[in-house]
C-alpha atoms as a PDB file:
ATOM      1  CA  UNK A   1      50.060  26.375 -62.803  1.00  0.00           C
ATOM      2  CA  UNK A   2      47.213  24.863 -60.785  1.00  0.00           C
ATOM      3  CA  UNK A   3      45.480  23.842 -64.027  1.00  0.00           C
ATOM      4  CA  UNK A   4      48.463  21.611 -64.761  1.00  0.00           C
ATOM      5  CA  UNK A   5      48.177  19.852 -61.401  1.00  0.00           C
ATOM      6  CA  UNK A   6      44.425  19.377 -61.864  1.00  0.00           C
ATOM      7  CA  UNK A   7      45.059  17.789 -65.280  1.00  0.00           C
ATOM      8  CA  UNK A   8      47.764  15.484 -63.876  1.00  0.00           C
ATOM      9  CA  UNK A   9      45.581  14.418 -60.940  1.00  0.00           C
ATOM     10  CA  UNK A  10      42.651  13.765 -63.264  1.00  0.00           C
ATOM     11  CA  UNK A  11      44.880  11.597 -65.467  1.00  0.00           C
ATOM     12  CA  UNK A  12      46.100   9.682 -62.409  1.00  0.00           C
ATOM     13  CA  UNK A  13      42.531   9.115 -61.243  1.00  0.00           C
ATOM     14  CA  UNK A  14      41.492   7.839 -64.673  1.00  0.00           C
ATOM     15  CA  UNK A  15      44.492   5.544 -64.804  1.00  0.00           C
ATOM     16  CA  UNK A  16      43.700   4.173 -61.343  1.00  0.00           C
ATOM     17  CA  UNK A  17      40.099   3.562 -62.369  1.00  0.00           C
ATOM     18  CA  UNK A  18      41.253   1.713 -65.506  1.00  0.00           C
ATOM     19  CA  UNK A  19      43.588  -0.461 -63.438  1.00  0.00           C
ATOM     20  CA  UNK A  20      40.835  -1.382 -60.981  1.00  0.00           C
ATOM     21  CA  UNK A  21      38.407  -2.211 -63.788  1.00  0.00           C
ATOM     22  CA  UNK A  22      41.006  -4.380 -65.527  1.00  0.00           C
ATOM     23  CA  UNK A  23      41.730  -6.215 -62.250  1.00  0.00           C
ATOM     24  CA  UNK A  24      38.013  -6.910 -61.824  1.00  0.00           C
ATOM     25  CA  UNK A  25      37.810  -8.264 -65.371  1.00  0.00           C
ATOM     26  CA  UNK A  26      40.788 -10.563 -64.761  1.00  0.00           C
ATOM     27  CA  UNK A  27      39.160 -11.799 -61.547  1.00  0.00           C
ATOM     28  CA  UNK A  28      35.943 -12.549 -63.419  1.00  0.00           C
ATOM     29  CA  UNK A  29      37.902 -14.495 -66.036  1.00  0.00           C
ATOM     30  CA  UNK A  30      39.533 -16.572 -63.279  1.00  0.00           C
ATOM     31  CA  UNK A  31      36.144 -17.263 -61.703  1.00  0.00           C
ATOM     32  CA  UNK A  32      34.679 -18.229 -65.085  1.00  0.00           C
ATOM     33  CA  UNK A  33      37.516 -20.702 -65.719  1.00  0.00           C
ATOM     34  CA  UNK A  34      37.071 -22.250 -62.267  1.00  0.00           C
ATOM     35  CA  UNK A  35      33.298 -22.470 -62.743  1.00  0.00           C
ATOM     36  CA  UNK A  36      33.630 -24.079 -66.180  1.00  0.00           C
ATOM     37  CA  UNK A  37      36.133 -26.607 -64.823  1.00  0.00           C
ATOM     38  CA  UNK A  38      33.807 -27.563 -61.967  1.00  0.00           C
ATOM     39  CA  UNK A  39      30.858 -27.772 -64.336  1.00  0.00           C
ATOM     40  CA  UNK A  40      32.857 -30.024 -66.660  1.00  0.00           C
ATOM     41  CA  UNK A  41      33.787 -32.280 -63.741  1.00  0.00           C
ATOM     42  CA  UNK A  42      30.166 -32.457 -62.606  1.00  0.00           C
ATOM     43  CA  UNK A  43      29.005 -33.464 -66.094  1.00  0.00           C
ATOM     44  CA  UNK A  44      31.797 -36.046 -66.342  1.00  0.00           C
ATOM     45  CA  UNK A  45      30.799 -37.644 -63.017  1.00  0.00           C
ATOM     46  CA  UNK A  46      27.150 -37.620 -64.049  1.00  0.00           C
ATOM     47  CA  UNK A  47      27.966 -39.182 -67.421  1.00  0.00           C
ATOM     48  CA  UNK A  48      30.144 -41.829 -65.752  1.00  0.00           C
ATOM     49  CA  UNK A  49      27.411 -42.775 -63.231  1.00  0.00           C
ATOM     50  CA  UNK A  50      24.794 -43.009 -65.973  1.00  0.00           C
ATOM     51  CA  UNK A  51      26.883 -45.353 -68.146  1.00  0.00           C
ATOM     52  CA  UNK A  52      28.030 -47.597 -65.305  1.00  0.00           C
END
């Protein structure tokens, strides 16, 4: 009977780890989108100043 509980707890721990890893990946995607947007704005301002 205790083997069953060990297997269930191990599955829960693996599932929790997968959730945390997926949340970190989503956070990195958000940061990448923000960074690319800021970089695009910086290049646009630089291009506008150069052609003025």
